[in-house]
Amino acid sequence: MSDEHQDVQSATQLPNPTGYKILCAIPDIEAKFDSGLLKAEKTIKDEELMTTVLFVVKLGPDCYSDTSRFPSGPYCKEGDFILVRPHSGSRVHIHGKSFRLINDDSVEGVVEDPRGIHRG
């Protein structure tokens, strides 16, 4: 059977992060440039890969539990938009959406409104 006719299996639910991992969703990438010109599919995928803004879906059970490493408390909570370095974490695709599993110490900042933030 050819590759194009094989059934594609996808996960039925989001993974639960373990240990000190954070499950983050990658926000949808705009399909058009500010000028209105449509982006190529490769451009959208590249922007998704290089994004520095993530949405915190779920914290692992050990996140921020080491008070000597995190004396001021957690860097983020579920529902926050965070800033991370490009290429941070492990990437997974579930039901057509992209997610990353990152370490709790990978969070570099929390942003109230991520619109307009672009990697410079």
N, C-alpha and C. Protein backbone atom coordinates (compact mmCIF):
# COMPACT_ATOMS: atom_id res chain seq x y z
N MET A 1 0.85 -1.18 0.00
CA MET A 1 0.00 0.00 0.00
C MET A 1 0.89 1.24 0.00
N SER A 2 0.53 2.22 -0.80
CA SER A 2 1.34 3.43 -0.87
C SER A 2 1.15 4.28 0.38
N ASP A 3 2.13 5.16 0.63
CA ASP A 3 2.09 6.02 1.80
C ASP A 3 0.85 6.90 1.83
N GLU A 4 0.40 7.36 0.66
CA GLU A 4 -0.74 8.27 0.64
C GLU A 4 -2.05 7.59 0.99
N HIS A 5 -2.10 6.25 0.99
CA HIS A 5 -3.32 5.54 1.32
C HIS A 5 -3.30 4.91 2.71
N GLN A 6 -2.20 5.04 3.42
CA GLN A 6 -2.14 4.48 4.77
C GLN A 6 -2.94 5.35 5.72
N ASP A 7 -3.56 4.71 6.71
CA ASP A 7 -4.29 5.45 7.73
C ASP A 7 -3.31 6.19 8.61
N VAL A 8 -3.64 7.43 8.93
CA VAL A 8 -2.81 8.22 9.83
C VAL A 8 -3.44 8.14 11.20
N GLN A 9 -2.66 7.70 12.18
CA GLN A 9 -3.17 7.64 13.54
C GLN A 9 -2.70 8.86 14.30
N SER A 10 -3.60 9.42 15.06
CA SER A 10 -3.24 10.58 15.86
C SER A 10 -3.65 10.35 17.30
N ALA A 11 -3.02 11.08 18.19
CA ALA A 11 -3.32 10.94 19.61
C ALA A 11 -4.78 11.32 19.86
N THR A 12 -5.38 10.72 20.86
CA THR A 12 -6.76 11.01 21.18
C THR A 12 -6.89 12.06 22.26
N GLN A 13 -5.80 12.36 22.94
CA GLN A 13 -5.85 13.38 23.99
C GLN A 13 -4.48 14.01 24.16
N LEU A 14 -4.45 15.13 24.84
CA LEU A 14 -3.18 15.81 25.11
C LEU A 14 -2.38 15.01 26.13
N PRO A 15 -1.07 15.00 25.99
CA PRO A 15 -0.25 14.29 26.97
C PRO A 15 -0.23 15.04 28.30
N ASN A 16 -0.09 14.32 29.39
CA ASN A 16 0.11 14.94 30.69
C ASN A 16 1.61 15.12 30.87
N PRO A 17 2.04 16.37 31.11
CA PRO A 17 3.48 16.57 31.33
C PRO A 17 3.90 15.90 32.65
N THR A 18 5.07 15.32 32.64
CA THR A 18 5.58 14.67 33.85
C THR A 18 6.72 15.51 34.42
N GLY A 19 7.02 15.26 35.69
CA GLY A 19 8.15 15.93 36.34
C GLY A 19 8.04 17.43 36.25
N TYR A 20 9.11 18.05 35.78
CA TYR A 20 9.19 19.50 35.72
C TYR A 20 8.89 20.05 34.32
N LYS A 21 8.18 19.29 33.52
CA LYS A 21 7.84 19.71 32.15
C LYS A 21 6.54 20.52 32.13
N ILE A 22 6.45 21.43 31.15
CA ILE A 22 5.26 22.25 30.93
C ILE A 22 4.76 21.97 29.52
N LEU A 23 3.47 21.64 29.39
CA LEU A 23 2.85 21.45 28.09
C LEU A 23 2.34 22.80 27.61
N CYS A 24 2.80 23.23 26.43
CA CYS A 24 2.44 24.53 25.87
C CYS A 24 1.87 24.35 24.47
N ALA A 25 0.88 25.16 24.16
CA ALA A 25 0.33 25.21 22.80
C ALA A 25 1.02 26.33 22.05
N ILE A 26 1.23 26.10 20.78
CA ILE A 26 1.79 27.14 19.92
C ILE A 26 0.61 27.92 19.34
N PRO A 27 0.55 29.23 19.61
CA PRO A 27 -0.57 30.02 19.07
C PRO A 27 -0.62 29.94 17.55
N ASP A 28 -1.82 30.09 17.00
CA ASP A 28 -1.99 30.06 15.55
C ASP A 28 -1.17 31.16 14.90
N ILE A 29 -0.51 30.80 13.82
CA ILE A 29 0.29 31.75 13.05
C ILE A 29 -0.62 32.41 12.00
N GLU A 30 -0.51 33.71 11.88
CA GLU A 30 -1.31 34.44 10.89
C GLU A 30 -0.99 33.92 9.48
N ALA A 31 -2.01 33.77 8.67
CA ALA A 31 -1.85 33.25 7.31
C ALA A 31 -1.44 34.33 6.32
N LYS A 32 -1.51 35.60 6.76
CA LYS A 32 -1.17 36.72 5.87
C LYS A 32 -0.15 37.62 6.55
N PHE A 33 0.64 38.27 5.72
CA PHE A 33 1.52 39.33 6.20
C PHE A 33 0.66 40.56 6.49
N ASP A 34 1.21 41.53 7.20
CA ASP A 34 0.49 42.77 7.50
C ASP A 34 0.01 43.47 6.23
N SER A 35 0.73 43.27 5.13
CA SER A 35 0.37 43.89 3.86
C SER A 35 -0.85 43.23 3.21
N GLY A 36 -1.26 42.06 3.74
CA GLY A 36 -2.39 41.34 3.16
C GLY A 36 -1.97 40.20 2.25
N LEU A 37 -0.69 40.15 1.92
CA LEU A 37 -0.16 39.08 1.06
C LEU A 37 -0.19 37.76 1.83
N LEU A 38 -0.67 36.69 1.17
CA LEU A 38 -0.72 35.37 1.80
C LEU A 38 0.68 34.82 2.00
N LYS A 39 0.89 34.15 3.13
CA LYS A 39 2.18 33.52 3.41
C LYS A 39 2.21 32.13 2.78
N ALA A 40 3.38 31.72 2.34
CA ALA A 40 3.57 30.36 1.84
C ALA A 40 3.46 29.39 3.03
N GLU A 41 3.05 28.17 2.76
CA GLU A 41 2.93 27.16 3.82
C GLU A 41 4.26 26.97 4.55
N LYS A 42 5.37 26.99 3.82
CA LYS A 42 6.68 26.84 4.44
C LYS A 42 6.98 28.00 5.39
N THR A 43 6.58 29.19 5.01
CA THR A 43 6.78 30.37 5.87
C THR A 43 6.02 30.20 7.17
N ILE A 44 4.78 29.73 7.09
CA ILE A 44 3.97 29.51 8.29
C ILE A 44 4.61 28.46 9.18
N LYS A 45 5.07 27.36 8.58
CA LYS A 45 5.72 26.31 9.36
C LYS A 45 7.01 26.80 10.01
N ASP A 46 7.78 27.61 9.28
CA ASP A 46 9.02 28.17 9.84
C ASP A 46 8.72 29.09 11.01
N GLU A 47 7.70 29.93 10.88
CA GLU A 47 7.32 30.83 11.96
C GLU A 47 6.85 30.04 13.18
N GLU A 48 6.12 28.96 12.95
CA GLU A 48 5.66 28.10 14.04
C GLU A 48 6.86 27.48 14.75
N LEU A 49 7.82 27.01 13.99
CA LEU A 49 9.02 26.39 14.55
C LEU A 49 9.84 27.37 15.37
N MET A 50 9.92 28.61 14.91
CA MET A 50 10.78 29.61 15.53
C MET A 50 10.05 30.51 16.54
N THR A 51 8.77 30.27 16.78
CA THR A 51 8.03 31.16 17.66
C THR A 51 8.64 31.22 19.06
N THR A 52 8.55 32.38 19.66
CA THR A 52 9.04 32.57 21.02
C THR A 52 7.89 32.74 22.00
N VAL A 53 6.65 32.74 21.50
CA VAL A 53 5.47 32.89 22.35
C VAL A 53 4.72 31.56 22.40
N LEU A 54 4.44 31.09 23.61
CA LEU A 54 3.70 29.85 23.82
C LEU A 54 2.57 30.10 24.82
N PHE A 55 1.56 29.24 24.79
CA PHE A 55 0.44 29.30 25.72
C PHE A 55 0.54 28.11 26.67
N VAL A 56 0.58 28.37 27.98
CA VAL A 56 0.73 27.31 28.97
C VAL A 56 -0.59 26.55 29.13
N VAL A 57 -0.56 25.26 28.80
CA VAL A 57 -1.73 24.40 28.89
C VAL A 57 -1.76 23.68 30.23
N LYS A 58 -0.61 23.09 30.61
CA LYS A 58 -0.59 22.30 31.84
C LYS A 58 0.83 22.21 32.39
N LEU A 59 0.95 22.30 33.70
CA LEU A 59 2.24 22.16 34.39
C LEU A 59 2.39 20.73 34.92
N GLY A 60 3.60 20.19 34.82
CA GLY A 60 3.89 18.89 35.40
C GLY A 60 3.86 18.98 36.93
N PRO A 61 3.75 17.85 37.61
CA PRO A 61 3.59 17.85 39.07
C PRO A 61 4.79 18.41 39.85
N ASP A 62 5.97 18.42 39.25
CA ASP A 62 7.16 18.88 39.97
C ASP A 62 7.60 20.29 39.57
N CYS A 63 6.84 20.94 38.69
CA CYS A 63 7.23 22.29 38.25
C CYS A 63 7.33 23.23 39.44
N TYR A 64 8.43 23.93 39.49
CA TYR A 64 8.68 24.99 40.46
C TYR A 64 8.61 24.53 41.92
N SER A 65 8.76 23.24 42.15
CA SER A 65 8.70 22.74 43.53
C SER A 65 10.01 22.94 44.29
N ASP A 66 11.11 23.16 43.58
CA ASP A 66 12.41 23.37 44.23
C ASP A 66 12.54 24.85 44.61
N THR A 67 12.29 25.16 45.86
CA THR A 67 12.31 26.56 46.30
C THR A 67 13.70 27.17 46.29
N SER A 68 14.75 26.33 46.28
CA SER A 68 16.10 26.90 46.18
C SER A 68 16.38 27.38 44.76
N ARG A 69 15.79 26.75 43.76
CA ARG A 69 15.96 27.18 42.36
C ARG A 69 14.97 28.26 41.99
N PHE A 70 13.81 28.27 42.64
CA PHE A 70 12.75 29.22 42.32
C PHE A 70 12.30 29.92 43.61
N PRO A 71 13.18 30.70 44.23
CA PRO A 71 12.85 31.32 45.53
C PRO A 71 11.68 32.31 45.46
N SER A 72 11.41 32.85 44.30
CA SER A 72 10.29 33.80 44.16
C SER A 72 9.00 33.10 43.74
N GLY A 73 9.04 31.78 43.60
CA GLY A 73 7.86 31.03 43.21
C GLY A 73 7.84 30.72 41.73
N PRO A 74 6.71 30.19 41.25
CA PRO A 74 6.59 29.78 39.84
C PRO A 74 6.78 30.94 38.88
N TYR A 75 7.36 30.65 37.73
CA TYR A 75 7.55 31.65 36.69
C TYR A 75 6.25 31.91 35.92
N CYS A 76 5.35 30.91 35.90
CA CYS A 76 4.12 31.03 35.13
C CYS A 76 3.07 30.10 35.71
N LYS A 77 1.85 30.22 35.17
CA LYS A 77 0.76 29.33 35.57
C LYS A 77 -0.04 28.94 34.32
N GLU A 78 -0.92 27.96 34.46
CA GLU A 78 -1.76 27.55 33.34
C GLU A 78 -2.57 28.75 32.87
N GLY A 79 -2.64 28.91 31.54
CA GLY A 79 -3.39 30.01 30.95
C GLY A 79 -2.54 31.23 30.61
N ASP A 80 -1.26 31.23 31.00
CA ASP A 80 -0.36 32.34 30.69
C ASP A 80 0.21 32.20 29.29
N PHE A 81 0.49 33.34 28.67
CA PHE A 81 1.32 33.38 27.47
C PHE A 81 2.73 33.66 27.96
N ILE A 82 3.68 32.87 27.49
CA ILE A 82 5.06 32.99 27.95
C ILE A 82 6.01 33.21 26.79
N LEU A 83 7.18 33.73 27.12
CA LEU A 83 8.26 33.88 26.15
C LEU A 83 9.32 32.82 26.44
N VAL A 84 9.80 32.17 25.39
CA VAL A 84 10.85 31.17 25.48
C VAL A 84 11.84 31.41 24.34
N ARG A 85 12.95 30.74 24.38
CA ARG A 85 13.90 30.82 23.26
C ARG A 85 13.37 29.99 22.09
N PRO A 86 13.67 30.42 20.86
CA PRO A 86 13.27 29.61 19.71
C PRO A 86 13.88 28.20 19.83
N HIS A 87 13.20 27.23 19.35
CA HIS A 87 13.63 25.83 19.37
C HIS A 87 13.56 25.20 20.76
N SER A 88 13.00 25.88 21.76
CA SER A 88 12.90 25.30 23.10
C SER A 88 11.93 24.12 23.09
N GLY A 89 12.28 23.07 23.80
CA GLY A 89 11.37 21.97 24.05
C GLY A 89 11.25 20.95 22.95
N SER A 90 10.40 19.97 23.26
CA SER A 90 10.08 18.89 22.33
C SER A 90 8.77 19.22 21.64
N ARG A 91 8.73 19.07 20.34
CA ARG A 91 7.54 19.42 19.57
C ARG A 91 6.69 18.18 19.30
N VAL A 92 5.37 18.36 19.43
CA VAL A 92 4.42 17.30 19.10
C VAL A 92 3.25 17.93 18.36
N HIS A 93 2.62 17.16 17.50
CA HIS A 93 1.44 17.61 16.76
C HIS A 93 0.29 16.69 17.12
N ILE A 94 -0.81 17.29 17.55
CA ILE A 94 -1.99 16.52 17.96
C ILE A 94 -3.21 17.18 17.36
N HIS A 95 -3.99 16.41 16.59
CA HIS A 95 -5.21 16.91 15.97
C HIS A 95 -4.96 18.19 15.18
N GLY A 96 -3.85 18.27 14.47
CA GLY A 96 -3.56 19.42 13.64
C GLY A 96 -3.03 20.63 14.37
N LYS A 97 -2.83 20.54 15.66
CA LYS A 97 -2.29 21.64 16.45
C LYS A 97 -0.88 21.28 16.91
N SER A 98 -0.06 22.31 17.09
CA SER A 98 1.32 22.10 17.52
C SER A 98 1.48 22.45 18.99
N PHE A 99 2.24 21.61 19.68
CA PHE A 99 2.50 21.78 21.10
C PHE A 99 4.00 21.60 21.35
N ARG A 100 4.46 22.11 22.48
CA ARG A 100 5.82 21.88 22.93
C ARG A 100 5.80 21.49 24.40
N LEU A 101 6.69 20.60 24.75
CA LEU A 101 6.96 20.27 26.15
C LEU A 101 8.29 20.94 26.49
N ILE A 102 8.26 21.87 27.45
CA ILE A 102 9.47 22.61 27.82
C ILE A 102 9.78 22.39 29.29
N ASN A 103 11.00 22.68 29.69
CA ASN A 103 11.39 22.62 31.10
C ASN A 103 10.86 23.85 31.82
N ASP A 104 10.59 23.72 33.11
CA ASP A 104 10.05 24.85 33.87
C ASP A 104 11.00 26.04 33.91
N ASP A 105 12.30 25.79 33.80
CA ASP A 105 13.25 26.90 33.84
C ASP A 105 13.50 27.53 32.46
N SER A 106 12.76 27.09 31.44
CA SER A 106 12.89 27.65 30.09
C SER A 106 12.06 28.92 29.90
N VAL A 107 11.18 29.20 30.86
CA VAL A 107 10.32 30.37 30.75
C VAL A 107 11.15 31.62 30.99
N GLU A 108 11.12 32.55 30.03
CA GLU A 108 11.91 33.77 30.14
C GLU A 108 11.07 34.99 30.47
N GLY A 109 9.76 34.86 30.38
CA GLY A 109 8.88 35.97 30.72
C GLY A 109 7.43 35.60 30.48
N VAL A 110 6.54 36.36 31.08
CA VAL A 110 5.09 36.21 30.89
C VAL A 110 4.60 37.48 30.23
N VAL A 111 3.73 37.33 29.23
CA VAL A 111 3.18 38.50 28.55
C VAL A 111 1.66 38.49 28.67
N GLU A 112 1.12 39.67 28.87
CA GLU A 112 -0.33 39.78 29.01
C GLU A 112 -1.02 39.61 27.66
N ASP A 113 -0.48 40.24 26.63
CA ASP A 113 -1.07 40.20 25.30
C ASP A 113 0.03 39.89 24.28
N PRO A 114 0.04 38.68 23.74
CA PRO A 114 1.13 38.29 22.84
C PRO A 114 1.02 38.82 21.41
N ARG A 115 -0.10 39.44 21.08
CA ARG A 115 -0.27 39.94 19.71
C ARG A 115 0.80 41.00 19.43
N GLY A 116 1.39 40.90 18.29
CA GLY A 116 2.39 41.89 17.91
C GLY A 116 3.81 41.54 18.34
N ILE A 117 3.96 40.47 19.12
CA ILE A 117 5.32 40.05 19.51
C ILE A 117 5.87 39.16 18.41
N HIS A 118 7.00 39.54 17.88
CA HIS A 118 7.66 38.78 16.82
C HIS A 118 9.11 38.58 17.18
N ARG A 119 9.64 37.48 16.75
CA ARG A 119 11.06 37.20 16.98
C ARG A 119 11.88 38.22 16.18
N GLY A 120 12.82 38.87 16.84
CA GLY A 120 13.59 39.91 16.18
C GLY A 120 14.95 39.50 15.74
